[in-house]
Amino acid sequence: MDRRSLLASLALAPLLGSRALAAGATPAITATTGMIADIARRLTGGEVTALMGPGMDPHGYRPTRSDILALSRADIILWHGLNLEAQFADVMADLSRQRTVVALADSVPQADLLADPAYGDRPDPHVWFDPRLWSVVVDRAATVLAEAGVATEAPAQALRDEIAALDTYARQVLGSVPESARILVTAHDAFAYFGRAYGWQVEGIQGISTESEAGLARITELVDLLTNRQIPAVFVESSVSDRAIRALIEGAAARGHTVAVGGELFSDAMGPDDTYEGTYIGMMDHNVTTIARALGGTAPERGMSGRLNAGT
């Protein structure tokens, strides 16, 4: 059965999820990205199915038959939106006729969104890199789940408090980096909200979508930046090939400037499952700590709460 046939059959099937909710059971929740699933887990304290795991790139990810089955069995479907999971748009539109389907990041006020430089009519979807905007997404999720009968007030407040503490930590350690070195160079342009939030210059080799190509002119431009500003480190990403980053390092070396890989950042996916880095707080703690330490700032090796690289 292909995806079109499966969706057609779902439209005629009894809505088992609705019956479960009417009986007062905890709703079955399926999320697209790990970041969205992490919010739902924190708010419900229960199991949440995530379609995209560590290292997966949501920009080009296409839903599989098993993904559609998982979505069809959910009472509540939470996805990011803002064109992040572009290949899911038609599937979500079909499923929204049968059950609760919410694009959580659509709750971020339009005035707070940055535009995709390549497509001015599209927003940059990477809002999780500004903790203050991510709290807005948490609030939207809490409202959706509360409407389904989940008690979210206390866990939502606890999560907002942790996000606020994360933001305070980030401002402290990123502010310790010498001002001349506050340039973040990564594989693709995912960190614009990070740059705006913390006053950093951010440069990606590829565009906002990882499906865009890095041209020779862009590589040359960034090699010039690295050598002229004597930037000591660039960063690879867990969900993006490091080929273009290696080209930068080689280009700088040919100009007599040594550039190191400052570390691997989590951009469009979180860290391994069942680890601290596999949570939103953990992935951001890892990123902020890694960036600050690699570019001359002062940050504790184990991060803001001593949990980095602990394995759990």
Protein backbone atom coordinates (compact mmCIF):
# COMPACT_ATOMS: atom_id res chain seq x y z
CA MET A 1 0.00 0.00 0.00
CA ASP A 2 1.46 3.36 -1.03
CA ARG A 3 1.21 6.52 1.03
CA ARG A 4 -1.74 7.91 -0.93
CA SER A 5 -3.73 4.70 -0.51
CA LEU A 6 -2.90 4.53 3.18
CA LEU A 7 -4.08 8.06 3.81
CA ALA A 8 -7.28 7.39 1.86
CA SER A 9 -8.02 4.36 4.01
CA LEU A 10 -7.36 6.35 7.19
CA ALA A 11 -10.05 8.84 6.22
CA LEU A 12 -12.59 6.01 6.34
CA ALA A 13 -11.28 4.25 9.45
CA PRO A 14 -12.75 4.69 12.98
CA LEU A 15 -10.82 7.25 15.00
CA LEU A 16 -9.39 5.04 17.75
CA GLY A 17 -7.49 7.98 19.21
CA SER A 18 -10.69 9.92 19.80
CA ARG A 19 -12.21 7.01 21.71
CA ALA A 20 -9.12 6.72 23.92
CA LEU A 21 -9.28 10.39 24.79
CA ALA A 22 -12.99 10.21 25.52
CA ALA A 23 -12.26 7.41 27.98
CA GLY A 24 -9.82 9.68 29.84
CA ALA A 25 -6.65 7.88 28.80
CA THR A 26 -3.37 9.75 28.26
CA PRO A 27 -3.25 10.78 24.60
CA ALA A 28 -0.84 9.02 22.28
CA ILE A 29 1.57 11.65 20.97
CA THR A 30 3.79 11.53 17.90
CA ALA A 31 6.28 14.29 17.11
CA THR A 32 8.46 14.88 14.10
CA THR A 33 11.74 16.23 15.46
CA GLY A 34 13.58 15.35 18.63
CA MET A 35 13.27 18.90 19.93
CA ILE A 36 9.48 18.84 19.66
CA ALA A 37 9.32 15.35 21.18
CA ASP A 38 11.45 16.54 24.10
CA ILE A 39 8.93 19.26 24.92
CA ALA A 40 6.07 16.76 24.86
CA ARG A 41 7.95 14.32 27.09
CA ARG A 42 8.71 17.02 29.62
CA LEU A 43 5.11 18.22 29.70
CA THR A 44 3.48 14.79 29.92
CA GLY A 45 6.12 12.74 31.72
CA GLY A 46 5.24 9.90 29.36
CA GLU A 47 6.27 8.21 26.15
CA VAL A 48 6.33 10.24 22.95
CA THR A 49 7.15 8.82 19.53
CA ALA A 50 9.74 10.87 17.61
CA LEU A 51 10.03 10.22 13.89
CA MET A 52 13.48 11.77 13.47
CA GLY A 53 16.26 10.62 15.72
CA PRO A 54 19.83 11.79 16.37
CA GLY A 55 21.74 12.85 13.28
CA MET A 56 18.65 13.08 11.07
CA ASP A 57 18.15 16.16 8.90
CA PRO A 58 14.54 17.38 8.90
CA HIS A 59 14.96 19.63 5.86
CA GLY A 60 15.10 16.79 3.37
CA TYR A 61 13.55 13.99 5.42
CA ARG A 62 10.72 12.23 3.60
CA PRO A 63 8.06 10.40 5.61
CA THR A 64 8.19 6.64 5.31
CA ARG A 65 5.33 4.18 5.46
CA SER A 66 6.16 3.44 9.09
CA ASP A 67 6.16 7.19 9.84
CA ILE A 68 2.67 7.56 8.39
CA LEU A 69 1.46 4.57 10.38
CA ALA A 70 2.90 6.11 13.57
CA LEU A 71 1.20 9.39 12.78
CA SER A 72 -2.11 7.67 12.04
CA ARG A 73 -2.08 5.94 15.43
CA ALA A 74 -1.51 9.17 17.36
CA ASP A 75 -4.20 11.17 19.11
CA ILE A 76 -2.04 14.30 18.94
CA ILE A 77 0.57 15.05 16.27
CA LEU A 78 3.10 17.77 17.07
CA TRP A 79 5.41 19.09 14.42
CA HIS A 80 7.69 22.08 14.18
CA GLY A 81 6.37 23.86 11.10
CA LEU A 82 7.84 27.03 9.55
CA ASN A 83 8.78 24.85 6.55
CA LEU A 84 11.34 22.85 8.56
CA GLU A 85 9.80 19.46 7.71
CA ALA A 86 8.84 20.55 4.20
CA GLN A 87 8.24 17.01 2.95
CA PHE A 88 5.54 16.46 5.60
CA ALA A 89 3.22 19.28 4.55
CA ASP A 90 0.78 17.21 2.48
CA VAL A 91 0.70 14.36 5.00
CA MET A 92 -0.05 16.74 7.88
CA ALA A 93 -2.79 18.46 5.90
CA ASP A 94 -4.49 15.10 5.31
CA LEU A 95 -4.14 13.94 8.90
CA SER A 96 -5.37 17.24 10.33
CA ARG A 97 -8.86 16.36 9.07
CA GLN A 98 -8.96 13.41 11.46
CA ARG A 99 -7.05 14.35 14.60
CA THR A 100 -5.20 17.14 16.39
CA VAL A 101 -2.21 18.25 14.32
CA VAL A 102 -0.30 21.32 15.52
CA ALA A 103 2.75 23.08 14.07
CA LEU A 104 4.09 24.42 17.36
CA ALA A 105 6.63 26.91 16.04
CA ASP A 106 3.90 28.69 14.10
CA SER A 107 3.07 30.23 17.49
CA VAL A 108 6.21 32.40 17.40
CA PRO A 109 5.10 35.97 16.60
CA GLN A 110 5.77 37.00 13.03
CA ALA A 111 7.75 40.01 14.22
CA ASP A 112 10.24 37.69 15.97
CA LEU A 113 10.91 35.52 12.93
CA LEU A 114 13.93 35.93 10.69
CA ALA A 115 13.60 35.45 6.95
CA ASP A 116 15.31 32.78 4.89
CA PRO A 117 17.95 34.80 2.97
CA ALA A 118 17.40 32.65 -0.12
CA TYR A 119 13.59 32.91 -0.02
CA GLY A 120 12.41 36.17 1.46
CA ASP A 121 8.81 34.96 1.76
CA ARG A 122 9.81 32.01 3.97
CA PRO A 123 10.84 32.17 7.62
CA ASP A 124 14.04 30.75 9.03
CA PRO A 125 12.66 27.77 11.02
CA HIS A 126 15.56 27.36 13.50
CA VAL A 127 13.86 29.22 16.36
CA TRP A 128 15.07 26.75 19.02
CA PHE A 129 18.46 28.49 18.96
CA ASP A 130 16.92 31.43 20.81
CA PRO A 131 15.78 30.04 24.18
CA ARG A 132 13.34 32.89 24.66
CA LEU A 133 11.53 31.96 21.45
CA TRP A 134 11.63 28.29 22.41
CA SER A 135 9.72 29.17 25.58
CA VAL A 136 6.94 30.46 23.32
CA VAL A 137 6.84 27.06 21.63
CA VAL A 138 6.70 25.37 25.04
CA ASP A 139 3.72 27.53 25.98
CA ARG A 140 1.89 26.53 22.80
CA ALA A 141 2.55 22.84 23.43
CA ALA A 142 1.34 23.19 27.02
CA THR A 143 -1.91 24.73 25.83
CA VAL A 144 -2.51 22.00 23.23
CA LEU A 145 -1.87 19.22 25.73
CA ALA A 146 -3.92 20.89 28.46
CA GLU A 147 -6.86 20.99 26.07
CA ALA A 148 -6.45 17.22 25.71
CA GLY A 149 -6.68 16.76 29.48
CA VAL A 150 -2.98 16.69 30.39
CA ALA A 151 -1.99 18.62 33.53
CA THR A 152 0.78 20.80 32.10
CA GLU A 153 0.95 23.84 34.37
CA ALA A 154 3.66 22.61 36.76
CA PRO A 155 5.91 20.85 34.20
CA ALA A 156 5.60 23.78 31.80
CA GLN A 157 6.75 26.21 34.49
CA ALA A 158 9.65 23.93 35.42
CA LEU A 159 10.74 23.71 31.79
CA ARG A 160 10.46 27.46 31.30
CA ASP A 161 12.63 27.97 34.39
CA GLU A 162 15.29 25.61 32.99
CA ILE A 163 15.24 27.39 29.64
CA ALA A 164 15.67 30.74 31.40
CA ALA A 165 18.64 29.36 33.35
CA LEU A 166 20.12 28.06 30.10
CA ASP A 167 19.77 31.50 28.53
CA THR A 168 21.49 33.12 31.50
CA TYR A 169 24.35 30.63 31.30
CA ALA A 170 24.70 31.16 27.55
CA ARG A 171 24.95 34.91 27.94
CA GLN A 172 27.61 34.50 30.61
CA VAL A 173 29.93 32.09 28.82
CA LEU A 174 29.45 33.46 25.32
CA GLY A 175 30.10 36.93 26.70
CA SER A 176 33.47 35.69 27.97
CA VAL A 177 34.70 35.11 24.41
CA PRO A 178 36.87 38.00 23.16
CA GLU A 179 34.69 40.26 21.07
CA SER A 180 36.90 39.91 18.00
CA ALA A 181 36.45 36.13 18.08
CA ARG A 182 32.64 36.11 18.32
CA ILE A 183 32.19 34.66 14.85
CA LEU A 184 30.48 31.28 14.53
CA VAL A 185 31.24 29.46 11.27
CA THR A 186 29.26 26.28 10.67
CA ALA A 187 28.24 23.92 7.89
CA HIS A 188 24.83 25.43 7.17
CA ASP A 189 23.03 28.60 8.11
CA ALA A 190 21.12 27.27 11.12
CA PHE A 191 22.33 29.64 13.83
CA ALA A 192 20.94 33.04 12.84
CA TYR A 193 18.60 33.17 15.86
CA PHE A 194 21.56 32.26 18.07
CA GLY A 195 23.54 35.13 16.58
CA ARG A 196 20.73 37.61 17.08
CA ALA A 197 20.07 36.47 20.65
CA TYR A 198 23.69 36.68 21.79
CA GLY A 199 25.17 39.36 19.53
CA TRP A 200 27.39 37.06 17.47
CA GLN A 201 28.25 37.09 13.79
CA VAL A 202 27.12 33.80 12.30
CA GLU A 203 28.24 32.40 8.95
CA GLY A 204 27.05 29.18 7.34
CA ILE A 205 28.61 27.62 4.28
CA GLN A 206 25.32 26.31 2.94
CA GLY A 207 21.99 28.11 3.17
CA ILE A 208 19.24 27.53 5.71
CA SER A 209 18.23 24.28 4.03
CA THR A 210 20.92 21.60 3.99
CA GLU A 211 19.76 20.76 0.47
CA SER A 212 21.35 23.96 -0.85
CA GLU A 213 24.82 23.76 -2.34
CA ALA A 214 27.97 25.52 -1.14
CA GLY A 215 29.60 27.34 -4.05
CA LEU A 216 33.28 28.04 -4.56
CA ALA A 217 32.67 31.76 -4.12
CA ARG A 218 31.16 31.18 -0.68
CA ILE A 219 34.07 28.97 0.37
CA THR A 220 36.53 31.64 -0.77
CA GLU A 221 34.61 34.36 1.06
CA LEU A 222 34.72 32.43 4.33
CA VAL A 223 38.40 31.54 3.95
CA ASP A 224 39.07 35.28 3.61
CA LEU A 225 37.05 35.93 6.77
CA LEU A 226 38.89 33.27 8.77
CA THR A 227 42.33 34.43 7.74
CA ASN A 228 41.69 38.17 7.98
CA ARG A 229 40.08 37.92 11.41
CA GLN A 230 42.38 35.11 12.61
CA ILE A 231 39.45 32.98 13.74
CA PRO A 232 40.88 29.85 15.41
CA ALA A 233 38.01 27.38 15.02
CA VAL A 234 35.04 26.36 12.91
CA PHE A 235 32.35 23.83 13.76
CA VAL A 236 30.91 20.71 12.18
CA GLU A 237 27.30 19.66 12.74
CA SER A 238 25.91 16.29 13.77
CA SER A 239 23.31 16.21 10.99
CA VAL A 240 25.36 17.73 8.13
CA SER A 241 28.35 16.44 6.15
CA ASP A 242 31.67 17.96 7.21
CA ARG A 243 33.02 18.09 3.63
CA ALA A 244 32.59 21.84 3.19
CA ILE A 245 34.06 22.58 6.63
CA ARG A 246 37.15 20.57 5.68
CA ALA A 247 37.44 22.66 2.53
CA LEU A 248 37.49 25.80 4.69
CA ILE A 249 40.25 24.43 6.89
CA GLU A 250 42.34 23.45 3.88
CA GLY A 251 41.78 26.84 2.25
CA ALA A 252 42.88 28.69 5.37
CA ALA A 253 45.93 26.44 5.70
CA ALA A 254 46.93 27.33 2.13
CA ARG A 255 46.92 30.97 3.28
CA GLY A 256 49.13 30.15 6.25
CA HIS A 257 46.37 30.28 8.89
CA THR A 258 45.61 27.24 11.04
CA VAL A 259 41.94 26.63 11.77
CA ALA A 260 40.81 23.78 14.01
CA VAL A 261 37.50 21.98 14.25
CA GLY A 262 36.17 23.49 17.46
CA GLY A 263 33.78 20.63 17.99
CA GLU A 264 30.58 19.07 16.70
CA LEU A 265 27.41 21.09 17.27
CA PHE A 266 23.86 19.83 17.38
CA SER A 267 21.89 21.85 14.84
CA ASP A 268 18.80 20.20 13.36
CA ALA A 269 18.84 17.16 15.66
CA MET A 270 19.70 16.53 19.30
CA GLY A 271 22.30 14.18 20.77
CA PRO A 272 22.01 10.44 21.32
CA ASP A 273 18.83 9.08 22.88
CA ASP A 274 18.81 8.62 26.65
CA THR A 275 21.63 11.11 27.21
CA TYR A 276 21.65 14.65 28.56
CA GLU A 277 22.67 15.89 25.11
CA GLY A 278 19.59 14.10 23.78
CA THR A 279 17.41 16.77 25.43
CA TYR A 280 16.86 20.36 24.35
CA ILE A 281 18.58 21.74 27.45
CA GLY A 282 21.49 19.33 26.99
CA MET A 283 21.99 20.00 23.29
CA MET A 284 22.03 23.74 23.88
CA ASP A 285 24.33 23.43 26.89
CA HIS A 286 26.68 21.35 24.75
CA ASN A 287 26.63 23.84 21.89
CA VAL A 288 27.14 26.94 24.02
CA THR A 289 29.90 25.34 26.09
CA THR A 290 31.67 23.96 23.02
CA ILE A 291 31.56 27.27 21.15
CA ALA A 292 32.77 29.33 24.11
CA ARG A 293 35.67 27.02 24.97
CA ALA A 294 36.86 26.69 21.35
CA LEU A 295 36.90 30.43 20.72
CA GLY A 296 38.74 31.55 23.83
CA GLY A 297 35.96 31.96 26.33
CA THR A 298 35.61 30.60 29.83
CA ALA A 299 33.13 27.78 30.34
CA PRO A 300 33.16 24.69 32.56
CA GLU A 301 34.18 21.54 30.70
CA ARG A 302 31.05 19.71 31.86
CA GLY A 303 28.69 22.58 31.10
CA MET A 304 26.28 24.58 33.18
CA SER A 305 25.15 21.70 35.41
CA GLY A 306 28.12 19.33 35.18
CA ARG A 307 26.22 16.84 33.06
CA LEU A 308 27.91 17.09 29.66
CA ASN A 309 29.62 13.94 28.37
CA ALA A 310 28.24 11.94 31.24
CA GLY A 311 26.49 9.46 28.94
CA THR A 312 23.14 9.77 30.69
